[in-house]
Amino acid sequence: MAYDIHVEETIEIAVPPEIVYDTIIDVTRWGRFSPECTGATTLAQPGELRAGDKFFGHNRRGFRRWTTHCVVTTAEPGRQFTFDSSAIGLAIATWSYHLEPINGGTGTRLTEVWHDNRGWLMRTIAVIVSGIRDRATHNRRSMQITLRRLKSHLEREYGQPGPESTSASPTAGPADSEA
């Protein structure tokens, strides 16, 4: 039976969705924003990922380091970017970024979604690899940090600073999860 965890975090960014999207799909530079992901390696040109493209996500937590194999499942400019991650042939998670225009298209409501796809074996392996027992809580905190950093970067580079508006809409399962 599949183990199901779902976490969402949302933030409003005073930059149009197309710019937010272009930054999100440049997976090679995610380390600028994420406290865990240090970046990615892809055969596609940075910022040009399409559905079906693959990349390797690189992660770090303290002395622990691991890489995931990722496949883009949705790449709709200005609207949605989604990918599935796995390792050693076992499913880990689906990550998705939903973009909604706000303020007449001059801003974006960005929702980052993590859905745990691990079975019992990967949940067990993941604790050893990452050192994280409660993956849902850990990801919620990391997603909040990532979104705040992304907002700060984008508004500094492209837009006007907006109000800090982060909200969570979680649906979580057992607290001892992993990814």
C-alpha atoms as a PDB file:
ATOM      1  CA  MET A   1       0.000   0.000   0.000  1.00  0.00           C
ATOM      2  CA  ALA A   2       1.299   3.478  -0.871  1.00  0.00           C
ATOM      3  CA  TYR A   3       2.282   5.881   1.865  1.00  0.00           C
ATOM      4  CA  ASP A   4       0.598   9.233   1.294  1.00  0.00           C
ATOM      5  CA  ILE A   5       1.805  12.648   2.477  1.00  0.00           C
ATOM      6  CA  HIS A   6       0.889  15.968   0.903  1.00  0.00           C
ATOM      7  CA  VAL A   7       2.245  19.394   1.887  1.00  0.00           C
ATOM      8  CA  GLU A   8       1.529  22.747   0.245  1.00  0.00           C
ATOM      9  CA  GLU A   9       2.965  26.213   0.870  1.00  0.00           C
ATOM     10  CA  THR A  10       1.844  29.383  -0.889  1.00  0.00           C
ATOM     11  CA  ILE A  11       3.330  32.858  -1.252  1.00  0.00           C
ATOM     12  CA  GLU A  12       2.448  35.954  -3.236  1.00  0.00           C
ATOM     13  CA  ILE A  13       5.224  37.505  -5.323  1.00  0.00           C
ATOM     14  CA  ALA A  14       5.039  40.976  -6.901  1.00  0.00           C
ATOM     15  CA  VAL A  15       6.385  39.679 -10.228  1.00  0.00           C
ATOM     16  CA  PRO A  16       4.466  38.293 -13.268  1.00  0.00           C
ATOM     17  CA  PRO A  17       4.013  34.493 -13.501  1.00  0.00           C
ATOM     18  CA  GLU A  18       6.206  34.171 -16.623  1.00  0.00           C
ATOM     19  CA  ILE A  19       9.247  35.509 -14.745  1.00  0.00           C
ATOM     20  CA  VAL A  20       8.549  33.349 -11.704  1.00  0.00           C
ATOM     21  CA  TYR A  21       8.176  30.294 -13.967  1.00  0.00           C
ATOM     22  CA  ASP A  22      11.447  30.997 -15.809  1.00  0.00           C
ATOM     23  CA  THR A  23      13.273  31.108 -12.470  1.00  0.00           C
ATOM     24  CA  ILE A  24      11.664  27.898 -11.182  1.00  0.00           C
ATOM     25  CA  ILE A  25      12.494  25.814 -14.251  1.00  0.00           C
ATOM     26  CA  ASP A  26      16.186  26.723 -14.005  1.00  0.00           C
ATOM     27  CA  VAL A  27      16.747  23.716 -11.743  1.00  0.00           C
ATOM     28  CA  THR A  28      20.539  24.080 -11.979  1.00  0.00           C
ATOM     29  CA  ARG A  29      20.275  27.172  -9.755  1.00  0.00           C
ATOM     30  CA  TRP A  30      17.841  25.953  -7.090  1.00  0.00           C
ATOM     31  CA  GLY A  31      20.599  26.008  -4.501  1.00  0.00           C
ATOM     32  CA  ARG A  32      20.139  29.788  -4.315  1.00  0.00           C
ATOM     33  CA  PHE A  33      16.786  29.305  -2.623  1.00  0.00           C
ATOM     34  CA  SER A  34      16.550  25.850  -1.029  1.00  0.00           C
ATOM     35  CA  PRO A  35      18.086  24.919   2.323  1.00  0.00           C
ATOM     36  CA  GLU A  36      18.390  21.275   1.135  1.00  0.00           C
ATOM     37  CA  CYS A  37      18.625  21.158  -2.669  1.00  0.00           C
ATOM     38  CA  THR A  38      22.016  22.374  -3.847  1.00  0.00           C
ATOM     39  CA  GLY A  39      21.118  22.377  -7.546  1.00  0.00           C
ATOM     40  CA  ALA A  40      20.658  19.990 -10.422  1.00  0.00           C
ATOM     41  CA  THR A  41      22.316  18.587 -13.499  1.00  0.00           C
ATOM     42  CA  THR A  42      20.367  18.407 -16.750  1.00  0.00           C
ATOM     43  CA  LEU A  43      21.121  17.677 -20.381  1.00  0.00           C
ATOM     44  CA  ALA A  44      18.588  20.326 -21.449  1.00  0.00           C
ATOM     45  CA  GLN A  45      19.610  23.958 -21.611  1.00  0.00           C
ATOM     46  CA  PRO A  46      19.088  25.625 -18.215  1.00  0.00           C
ATOM     47  CA  GLY A  47      15.605  27.128 -18.116  1.00  0.00           C
ATOM     48  CA  GLU A  48      14.343  25.083 -21.084  1.00  0.00           C
ATOM     49  CA  LEU A  49      12.927  21.990 -19.427  1.00  0.00           C
ATOM     50  CA  ARG A  50       9.907  20.378 -21.084  1.00  0.00           C
ATOM     51  CA  ALA A  51       7.660  17.466 -20.173  1.00  0.00           C
ATOM     52  CA  GLY A  52       9.674  14.255 -20.509  1.00  0.00           C
ATOM     53  CA  ASP A  53      13.050  15.911 -19.801  1.00  0.00           C
ATOM     54  CA  LYS A  54      15.192  14.400 -17.062  1.00  0.00           C
ATOM     55  CA  PHE A  55      17.522  15.925 -14.519  1.00  0.00           C
ATOM     56  CA  PHE A  56      19.457  14.898 -11.419  1.00  0.00           C
ATOM     57  CA  GLY A  57      18.589  16.784  -8.223  1.00  0.00           C
ATOM     58  CA  HIS A  58      21.485  17.216  -5.776  1.00  0.00           C
ATOM     59  CA  ASN A  59      20.720  17.491  -2.071  1.00  0.00           C
ATOM     60  CA  ARG A  60      22.621  18.041   1.149  1.00  0.00           C
ATOM     61  CA  ARG A  61      21.836  17.968   4.852  1.00  0.00           C
ATOM     62  CA  GLY A  62      24.905  18.376   7.023  1.00  0.00           C
ATOM     63  CA  PHE A  63      27.452  15.760   5.963  1.00  0.00           C
ATOM     64  CA  ARG A  64      24.791  13.735   4.130  1.00  0.00           C
ATOM     65  CA  ARG A  65      24.500  14.108   0.356  1.00  0.00           C
ATOM     66  CA  TRP A  66      22.213  12.360  -2.126  1.00  0.00           C
ATOM     67  CA  THR A  67      21.021  12.649  -5.692  1.00  0.00           C
ATOM     68  CA  THR A  68      17.563  11.977  -7.068  1.00  0.00           C
ATOM     69  CA  HIS A  69      16.554  11.116 -10.627  1.00  0.00           C
ATOM     70  CA  CYS A  70      13.825  13.488 -11.804  1.00  0.00           C
ATOM     71  CA  VAL A  71      11.450  13.446 -14.771  1.00  0.00           C
ATOM     72  CA  VAL A  72       9.462  16.535 -15.756  1.00  0.00           C
ATOM     73  CA  THR A  73       5.789  15.629 -16.105  1.00  0.00           C
ATOM     74  CA  THR A  74       4.284  19.093 -16.658  1.00  0.00           C
ATOM     75  CA  ALA A  75       5.926  22.215 -18.056  1.00  0.00           C
ATOM     76  CA  GLU A  76       3.344  24.900 -18.811  1.00  0.00           C
ATOM     77  CA  PRO A  77       5.073  28.310 -18.958  1.00  0.00           C
ATOM     78  CA  GLY A  78       3.610  30.771 -16.490  1.00  0.00           C
ATOM     79  CA  ARG A  79       1.254  28.136 -15.051  1.00  0.00           C
ATOM     80  CA  GLN A  80       2.772  24.907 -13.719  1.00  0.00           C
ATOM     81  CA  PHE A  81       6.013  22.955 -13.392  1.00  0.00           C
ATOM     82  CA  THR A  82       5.849  19.394 -12.027  1.00  0.00           C
ATOM     83  CA  PHE A  83       8.355  16.561 -11.771  1.00  0.00           C
ATOM     84  CA  ASP A  84       8.618  13.099 -10.229  1.00  0.00           C
ATOM     85  CA  SER A  85      11.717  12.107  -8.274  1.00  0.00           C
ATOM     86  CA  SER A  86      13.133   8.656  -7.615  1.00  0.00           C
ATOM     87  CA  ALA A  87      16.336   6.912  -6.557  1.00  0.00           C
ATOM     88  CA  ILE A  88      17.602   3.376  -7.087  1.00  0.00           C
ATOM     89  CA  GLY A  89      14.475   2.768  -9.175  1.00  0.00           C
ATOM     90  CA  LEU A  90      12.098   3.561  -6.317  1.00  0.00           C
ATOM     91  CA  ALA A  91       9.609   6.440  -6.293  1.00  0.00           C
ATOM     92  CA  ILE A  92      10.235   9.299  -3.859  1.00  0.00           C
ATOM     93  CA  ALA A  93       7.949  12.260  -4.501  1.00  0.00           C
ATOM     94  CA  THR A  94       6.109  14.499  -6.912  1.00  0.00           C
ATOM     95  CA  TRP A  95       7.034  18.178  -6.679  1.00  0.00           C
ATOM     96  CA  SER A  96       4.825  20.775  -8.289  1.00  0.00           C
ATOM     97  CA  TYR A  97       4.791  24.553  -8.624  1.00  0.00           C
ATOM     98  CA  HIS A  98       1.418  26.131  -9.447  1.00  0.00           C
ATOM     99  CA  LEU A  99       1.435  29.749 -10.588  1.00  0.00           C
ATOM    100  CA  GLU A 100      -1.667  31.940 -10.577  1.00  0.00           C
ATOM    101  CA  PRO A 101      -1.660  35.526 -11.851  1.00  0.00           C
ATOM    102  CA  ILE A 102      -2.774  38.153  -9.320  1.00  0.00           C
ATOM    103  CA  ASN A 103      -3.065  41.939  -9.361  1.00  0.00           C
ATOM    104  CA  GLY A 104      -3.947  42.032 -13.033  1.00  0.00           C
ATOM    105  CA  GLY A 105      -1.047  39.753 -13.975  1.00  0.00           C
ATOM    106  CA  THR A 106       1.648  41.905 -12.355  1.00  0.00           C
ATOM    107  CA  GLY A 107       1.993  39.429  -9.490  1.00  0.00           C
ATOM    108  CA  THR A 108       1.952  35.692  -8.867  1.00  0.00           C
ATOM    109  CA  ARG A 109       0.438  33.433  -6.253  1.00  0.00           C
ATOM    110  CA  LEU A 110       2.927  30.562  -6.180  1.00  0.00           C
ATOM    111  CA  THR A 111       2.074  27.262  -4.513  1.00  0.00           C
ATOM    112  CA  GLU A 112       4.786  24.657  -3.996  1.00  0.00           C
ATOM    113  CA  VAL A 113       3.410  21.137  -3.531  1.00  0.00           C
ATOM    114  CA  TRP A 114       5.189  18.029  -2.271  1.00  0.00           C
ATOM    115  CA  HIS A 115       3.463  14.651  -2.516  1.00  0.00           C
ATOM    116  CA  ASP A 116       5.191  11.647  -0.953  1.00  0.00           C
ATOM    117  CA  ASN A 117       5.197   8.649  -3.303  1.00  0.00           C
ATOM    118  CA  ARG A 118       7.487   6.380  -1.258  1.00  0.00           C
ATOM    119  CA  GLY A 119       6.673   2.853  -0.301  1.00  0.00           C
ATOM    120  CA  TRP A 120       7.852   1.333   2.966  1.00  0.00           C
ATOM    121  CA  LEU A 121      11.295   0.366   1.595  1.00  0.00           C
ATOM    122  CA  MET A 122      12.137   3.869   0.341  1.00  0.00           C
ATOM    123  CA  ARG A 123      10.820   5.445   3.560  1.00  0.00           C
ATOM    124  CA  THR A 124      13.230   3.218   5.491  1.00  0.00           C
ATOM    125  CA  ILE A 125      16.189   3.920   3.180  1.00  0.00           C
ATOM    126  CA  ALA A 126      15.456   7.666   3.214  1.00  0.00           C
ATOM    127  CA  VAL A 127      15.886   7.959   6.987  1.00  0.00           C
ATOM    128  CA  ILE A 128      19.364   6.458   6.676  1.00  0.00           C
ATOM    129  CA  VAL A 129      20.335   8.583   3.663  1.00  0.00           C
ATOM    130  CA  SER A 130      18.954  11.962   4.785  1.00  0.00           C
ATOM    131  CA  GLY A 131      18.760  11.594   8.558  1.00  0.00           C
ATOM    132  CA  ILE A 132      15.198  12.992   8.485  1.00  0.00           C
ATOM    133  CA  ARG A 133      12.463  11.003  10.228  1.00  0.00           C
ATOM    134  CA  ASP A 134       9.599  13.467   9.808  1.00  0.00           C
ATOM    135  CA  ARG A 135       9.852  14.381   6.135  1.00  0.00           C
ATOM    136  CA  ALA A 136       6.517  16.240   5.990  1.00  0.00           C
ATOM    137  CA  THR A 137       7.448  18.672   8.783  1.00  0.00           C
ATOM    138  CA  HIS A 138      10.970  19.068   7.410  1.00  0.00           C
ATOM    139  CA  ASN A 139       9.678  19.783   3.898  1.00  0.00           C
ATOM    140  CA  ARG A 140       7.097  22.274   5.164  1.00  0.00           C
ATOM    141  CA  ARG A 141       9.852  24.290   6.883  1.00  0.00           C
ATOM    142  CA  SER A 142      12.166  23.998   3.875  1.00  0.00           C
ATOM    143  CA  MET A 143       9.387  25.021   1.479  1.00  0.00           C
ATOM    144  CA  GLN A 144       8.633  28.111   3.580  1.00  0.00           C
ATOM    145  CA  ILE A 145      12.304  29.128   3.494  1.00  0.00           C
ATOM    146  CA  THR A 146      12.586  28.391  -0.227  1.00  0.00           C
ATOM    147  CA  LEU A 147       9.520  30.444  -1.105  1.00  0.00           C
ATOM    148  CA  ARG A 148      10.626  33.416   1.031  1.00  0.00           C
ATOM    149  CA  ARG A 149      14.070  33.373  -0.596  1.00  0.00           C
ATOM    150  CA  LEU A 150      12.569  33.076  -4.082  1.00  0.00           C
ATOM    151  CA  LYS A 151      10.179  35.968  -3.385  1.00  0.00           C
ATOM    152  CA  SER A 152      12.988  38.154  -2.066  1.00  0.00           C
ATOM    153  CA  HIS A 153      15.218  37.409  -5.064  1.00  0.00           C
ATOM    154  CA  LEU A 154      12.516  37.973  -7.676  1.00  0.00           C
ATOM    155  CA  GLU A 155      11.138  41.159  -6.172  1.00  0.00           C
ATOM    156  CA  ARG A 156      14.637  42.562  -5.760  1.00  0.00           C
ATOM    157  CA  GLU A 157      15.529  41.726  -9.369  1.00  0.00           C
ATOM    158  CA  TYR A 158      12.252  42.294 -11.221  1.00  0.00           C
ATOM    159  CA  GLY A 159       9.501  43.827  -9.144  1.00  0.00           C
ATOM    160  CA  GLN A 160       8.270  45.769  -6.191  1.00  0.00           C
ATOM    161  CA  PRO A 161       8.514  44.306  -2.685  1.00  0.00           C
ATOM    162  CA  GLY A 162       5.147  42.999  -1.624  1.00  0.00           C
ATOM    163  CA  PRO A 163       3.712  41.969   1.747  1.00  0.00           C
ATOM    164  CA  GLU A 164       5.047  38.777   3.279  1.00  0.00           C
ATOM    165  CA  SER A 165       2.126  36.439   2.611  1.00  0.00           C
ATOM    166  CA  THR A 166       2.977  32.826   3.166  1.00  0.00           C
ATOM    167  CA  SER A 167       0.190  30.401   3.995  1.00  0.00           C
ATOM    168  CA  ALA A 168       0.073  26.668   4.373  1.00  0.00           C
ATOM    169  CA  SER A 169      -2.661  24.303   3.314  1.00  0.00           C
ATOM    170  CA  PRO A 170      -1.415  20.890   4.435  1.00  0.00           C
ATOM    171  CA  THR A 171      -2.886  17.469   4.391  1.00  0.00           C
ATOM    172  CA  ALA A 172      -0.381  15.291   6.176  1.00  0.00           C
ATOM    173  CA  GLY A 173      -0.198  11.694   7.187  1.00  0.00           C
ATOM    174  CA  PRO A 174       1.916  10.075   9.943  1.00  0.00           C
ATOM    175  CA  ALA A 175       4.599  12.284  11.457  1.00  0.00           C
ATOM    176  CA  ASP A 176       7.491   9.846  11.008  1.00  0.00           C
ATOM    177  CA  SER A 177       7.602  10.131   7.215  1.00  0.00           C
ATOM    178  CA  GLU A 178      10.661  10.464   4.962  1.00  0.00           C
ATOM    179  CA  ALA A 179      11.657  11.457   1.437  1.00  0.00           C
END
